[in-house]
Protein backbone atom coordinates (compact mmCIF):
# COMPACT_ATOMS: atom_id res chain seq x y z
CA MET A 1 -131.51 -24.07 -13.02
CA THR A 2 -128.14 -25.79 -13.05
CA THR A 3 -124.73 -24.23 -13.89
CA ALA A 4 -122.19 -26.44 -16.10
CA ALA A 5 -118.98 -26.59 -14.13
CA ARG A 6 -116.11 -25.62 -16.37
CA GLU A 7 -113.81 -28.55 -16.97
CA THR A 8 -110.13 -28.33 -17.25
CA ILE A 9 -108.66 -30.12 -20.14
CA ILE A 10 -105.03 -29.82 -19.45
CA GLY A 11 -104.90 -28.46 -15.77
CA ASP A 12 -103.68 -25.55 -14.04
CA PRO A 13 -100.06 -23.86 -14.88
CA VAL A 14 -97.63 -24.76 -12.41
CA ASP A 15 -94.22 -24.03 -11.89
CA ARG A 16 -91.31 -25.99 -13.40
CA VAL A 17 -89.14 -27.13 -10.53
CA ASP A 18 -86.21 -27.37 -12.70
CA GLY A 19 -86.76 -24.15 -14.40
CA PRO A 20 -84.39 -21.94 -12.81
CA LEU A 21 -81.60 -24.30 -13.02
CA LYS A 22 -82.09 -24.69 -16.92
CA VAL A 23 -82.67 -21.03 -17.97
CA THR A 24 -79.42 -20.31 -15.82
CA GLY A 25 -77.30 -23.13 -17.29
CA ALA A 26 -77.02 -25.06 -13.98
CA ALA A 27 -79.39 -28.32 -14.80
CA LEU A 28 -77.38 -31.42 -15.06
CA TYR A 29 -77.86 -33.95 -18.05
CA PRO A 30 -76.88 -37.51 -18.42
CA SER A 31 -73.69 -36.61 -20.24
CA ASP A 32 -72.75 -34.51 -17.07
CA PHE A 33 -72.13 -37.45 -15.01
CA THR A 34 -69.17 -39.66 -15.10
CA TYR A 35 -67.94 -43.17 -13.56
CA PRO A 36 -64.74 -44.70 -13.11
CA ASP A 37 -63.37 -46.31 -16.26
CA LEU A 38 -66.12 -44.90 -18.36
CA THR A 39 -65.45 -45.16 -21.93
CA HIS A 40 -67.25 -43.37 -24.88
CA ALA A 41 -68.29 -44.38 -28.51
CA VAL A 42 -68.55 -42.91 -31.64
CA LEU A 43 -70.65 -44.36 -34.78
CA VAL A 44 -68.98 -44.40 -38.43
CA GLN A 45 -71.64 -44.26 -41.09
CA SER A 46 -71.63 -45.35 -44.30
CA THR A 47 -71.48 -42.64 -47.03
CA ILE A 48 -73.52 -45.02 -49.89
CA ALA A 49 -76.88 -46.42 -50.05
CA ALA A 50 -76.19 -49.76 -51.40
CA GLY A 51 -72.87 -51.86 -51.98
CA THR A 52 -70.48 -53.26 -50.22
CA ILE A 53 -67.10 -52.55 -48.21
CA ARG A 54 -63.90 -53.67 -50.12
CA GLY A 55 -61.85 -52.50 -47.10
CA ILE A 56 -61.40 -50.43 -44.11
CA ASP A 57 -58.09 -48.88 -42.88
CA ALA A 58 -58.31 -48.03 -39.35
CA ALA A 59 -54.78 -47.67 -38.58
CA LYS A 60 -54.67 -43.92 -37.76
CA ALA A 61 -57.78 -44.33 -35.68
CA GLU A 62 -56.39 -46.90 -33.79
CA ALA A 63 -53.34 -45.15 -33.01
CA ALA A 64 -55.19 -41.80 -32.17
CA PRO A 65 -54.97 -40.77 -28.58
CA GLY A 66 -57.41 -42.17 -25.79
CA VAL A 67 -58.59 -44.74 -28.67
CA LEU A 68 -59.34 -48.29 -26.96
CA ALA A 69 -60.87 -49.98 -29.96
CA VAL A 70 -62.06 -49.84 -33.36
CA ILE A 71 -65.00 -52.29 -34.08
CA THR A 72 -66.15 -53.34 -37.45
CA HIS A 73 -67.36 -56.25 -39.19
CA GLU A 74 -63.95 -57.75 -39.49
CA ASN A 75 -63.66 -57.96 -35.84
CA ALA A 76 -66.97 -57.68 -34.27
CA PRO A 77 -68.54 -60.83 -32.38
CA ALA A 78 -70.66 -62.75 -34.14
CA LEU A 79 -74.40 -62.32 -33.10
CA VAL A 80 -77.51 -64.28 -33.47
CA GLU A 81 -80.39 -63.34 -35.76
CA GLY A 82 -83.35 -62.16 -33.88
CA PRO A 83 -86.58 -64.03 -34.16
CA MET A 84 -89.44 -63.27 -36.74
CA THR A 85 -92.22 -61.59 -35.03
CA PRO A 86 -95.91 -60.74 -36.07
CA LEU A 87 -94.53 -57.13 -37.33
CA GLY A 88 -92.07 -59.01 -39.37
CA PRO A 89 -88.31 -60.05 -39.25
CA SER A 90 -86.34 -58.28 -36.31
CA PRO A 91 -84.08 -55.21 -37.44
CA PRO A 92 -80.67 -56.56 -38.78
CA PHE A 93 -77.71 -56.33 -35.88
CA PRO A 94 -75.15 -53.85 -36.95
CA LEU A 95 -71.39 -54.80 -38.50
CA LYS A 96 -73.00 -58.23 -39.30
CA ASP A 97 -70.91 -58.20 -42.92
CA ASN A 98 -69.38 -55.96 -45.65
CA ARG A 99 -72.86 -55.33 -47.37
CA ILE A 100 -74.29 -51.86 -47.34
CA LEU A 101 -78.04 -51.57 -47.37
CA HIS A 102 -78.73 -48.08 -46.60
CA GLN A 103 -77.26 -44.56 -46.52
CA GLY A 104 -75.82 -43.96 -43.06
CA GLN A 105 -75.45 -47.69 -42.09
CA HIS A 106 -73.51 -47.95 -38.98
CA VAL A 107 -70.01 -49.67 -40.49
CA ALA A 108 -67.68 -48.92 -37.39
CA VAL A 109 -67.73 -47.96 -33.61
CA VAL A 110 -64.91 -46.17 -32.11
CA VAL A 111 -64.22 -46.77 -28.49
CA ALA A 112 -62.29 -44.21 -26.62
CA ARG A 113 -61.38 -42.74 -23.11
CA THR A 114 -63.37 -39.59 -23.96
CA ARG A 115 -66.12 -38.47 -26.23
CA GLU A 116 -63.59 -35.86 -27.84
CA HIS A 117 -60.93 -38.52 -28.43
CA ALA A 118 -63.76 -40.93 -29.96
CA ARG A 119 -65.03 -38.29 -32.05
CA ALA A 120 -61.83 -37.17 -33.42
CA ALA A 121 -60.65 -40.75 -34.10
CA ALA A 122 -63.79 -41.55 -35.97
CA GLN A 123 -62.78 -38.93 -38.53
CA LEU A 124 -59.90 -41.01 -39.11
CA VAL A 125 -61.29 -44.03 -40.20
CA ARG A 126 -60.97 -44.61 -44.14
CA ILE A 127 -63.64 -46.98 -45.78
CA ASP A 128 -63.18 -48.29 -49.53
CA TYR A 129 -66.43 -48.73 -50.93
CA GLU A 130 -67.79 -50.59 -54.09
CA GLN A 131 -71.07 -48.53 -54.77
CA ALA A 132 -74.10 -50.81 -56.53
CA ALA A 133 -76.19 -49.65 -59.13
CA PRO A 134 -79.75 -49.09 -57.83
CA ASP A 135 -82.02 -52.20 -58.15
CA PRO A 136 -84.07 -52.46 -61.23
CA LEU A 137 -87.08 -53.52 -59.16
CA ALA A 138 -86.91 -50.87 -56.34
CA GLU A 139 -89.82 -48.88 -58.02
CA ALA A 140 -92.00 -51.81 -59.00
CA ALA A 141 -91.32 -54.00 -55.66
CA PRO A 142 -94.27 -52.19 -53.83
CA GLY A 143 -96.68 -53.48 -56.51
CA ILE A 144 -95.29 -56.91 -56.64
CA LEU A 145 -95.72 -57.24 -52.89
CA ALA A 146 -99.40 -55.84 -52.87
CA HIS A 147 -100.14 -58.39 -55.97
CA MET A 148 -98.57 -61.40 -54.44
CA ASN A 149 -100.01 -60.93 -50.83
CA ALA A 150 -103.52 -60.13 -52.49
CA ASP A 151 -103.74 -62.99 -54.80
CA HIS A 152 -100.90 -65.62 -54.46
CA VAL A 153 -100.67 -66.60 -50.94
CA ASP A 154 -100.74 -70.29 -51.72
CA ALA A 155 -98.05 -70.04 -54.22
CA MET A 156 -95.79 -68.46 -51.46
CA ILE A 157 -96.73 -71.18 -48.98
CA LEU A 158 -95.86 -73.85 -51.61
CA LEU A 159 -92.36 -72.19 -52.54
CA ALA A 160 -91.58 -71.77 -48.58
CA GLY A 161 -92.10 -75.38 -48.26
CA SER A 162 -90.08 -76.26 -51.49
CA HIS A 163 -87.25 -73.82 -51.12
CA ALA A 164 -86.85 -73.15 -47.36
CA GLY A 165 -88.15 -76.34 -45.91
CA ILE A 166 -90.90 -74.30 -43.89
CA GLU A 167 -94.42 -75.69 -43.64
CA ALA A 168 -96.54 -72.54 -43.19
CA THR A 169 -100.24 -71.68 -42.88
CA GLU A 170 -99.80 -68.00 -43.66
CA ALA A 171 -97.36 -65.89 -45.85
CA THR A 172 -96.77 -62.49 -46.69
CA MET A 173 -93.96 -61.24 -48.94
CA THR A 174 -92.14 -58.41 -47.21
CA SER A 175 -89.45 -57.31 -49.67
CA ALA A 176 -88.58 -58.33 -53.54
CA ASP A 177 -85.38 -57.34 -55.37
CA ARG A 178 -83.65 -58.50 -58.59
CA LEU A 179 -82.11 -61.54 -56.64
CA GLY A 180 -85.14 -62.78 -54.85
CA PHE A 181 -87.85 -62.11 -52.11
CA SER A 182 -88.56 -62.14 -48.24
CA LEU A 183 -91.27 -63.84 -46.83
CA LYS A 184 -92.51 -63.77 -43.21
CA LEU A 185 -94.23 -67.28 -42.51
CA LYS A 186 -96.69 -68.55 -39.99
CA THR A 187 -96.47 -72.19 -38.75
CA ASN A 188 -98.43 -73.79 -36.16
CA ASP A 189 -96.67 -72.37 -33.25
CA GLU A 190 -94.34 -69.51 -34.36
CA PHE A 191 -93.49 -66.92 -37.13
CA LYS A 192 -90.68 -67.38 -39.10
CA GLY A 193 -88.58 -65.84 -41.97
CA ALA A 194 -87.15 -67.05 -45.07
CA ARG A 195 -85.25 -65.70 -48.08
CA ILE A 196 -85.98 -67.27 -51.32
CA ASN A 197 -83.57 -66.62 -54.45
CA PHE A 198 -84.88 -66.26 -57.76
CA LEU A 199 -83.76 -68.80 -60.47
CA HIS A 200 -81.89 -66.00 -62.29
CA GLU A 201 -81.36 -62.14 -61.92
CA VAL A 202 -84.80 -60.32 -62.73
CA ALA A 203 -85.00 -56.65 -63.92
CA THR A 204 -88.64 -56.12 -64.57
CA PRO A 205 -92.01 -57.09 -63.11
CA GLN A 206 -92.54 -59.31 -66.17
CA ASP A 207 -89.31 -61.17 -65.43
CA THR A 208 -90.62 -61.62 -61.95
CA ARG A 209 -93.55 -63.13 -62.85
CA ALA A 210 -92.16 -65.23 -65.45
CA VAL A 211 -89.60 -66.66 -62.99
CA LEU A 212 -91.96 -66.98 -60.21
CA VAL A 213 -94.47 -69.03 -62.34
CA GLU A 214 -91.78 -71.42 -63.19
CA MET A 215 -90.38 -71.85 -59.54
CA VAL A 216 -94.27 -72.60 -58.62
CA ARG A 217 -94.72 -74.91 -61.85
CA ARG A 218 -91.30 -76.72 -60.59
CA ALA A 219 -92.31 -76.81 -56.91
CA LYS A 220 -95.75 -78.51 -58.01
CA ALA A 221 -93.76 -81.06 -60.13
CA ARG A 222 -91.69 -82.20 -57.22
CA GLY A 223 -94.77 -82.93 -55.39
């Protein structure tokens, strides 16, 4: 007769070596350490979901105690777009321009000598927004993407060549709105992204279908 040995799934309980320090408030965390000339940054985020920034008044924040800089799209250094990846476009970098694409988008960075100074000055940044109306294709876009990616890959490859100058072997539509659509494209040796504008603004799935049909017709006519 054999007896099956009991297997331990998680393991025997052990004492946390840092337990006493944490429960007594004596444990150190990254924010407890400092270095010479260390600075702190606090982000300012958008209060609208879509639109543009009409103006930024950072004068009071820049004059606040301890503040070293207020960085916005108006003075941020230009950055190079990230490459297309097998999963899609690289995430857009912050402070690129005055467009607001989502609620809570980073629109400014306040840099100061202490965290408290940076947090207080961030409250002084005043931003004037122009709020955009919701995109009329927002609800229909997932269905448009599913239809195009399932049935019209050849058409997207054709449009990538005629409108973006990219000779692709595979194409996936990743977004669509009233002004145009974005594609993830695979060429012989790399992935690329392309944004293609519609011939005119659209408002419904029917408008989208009609304009895409016309764009494909023109692309075929050009040979």
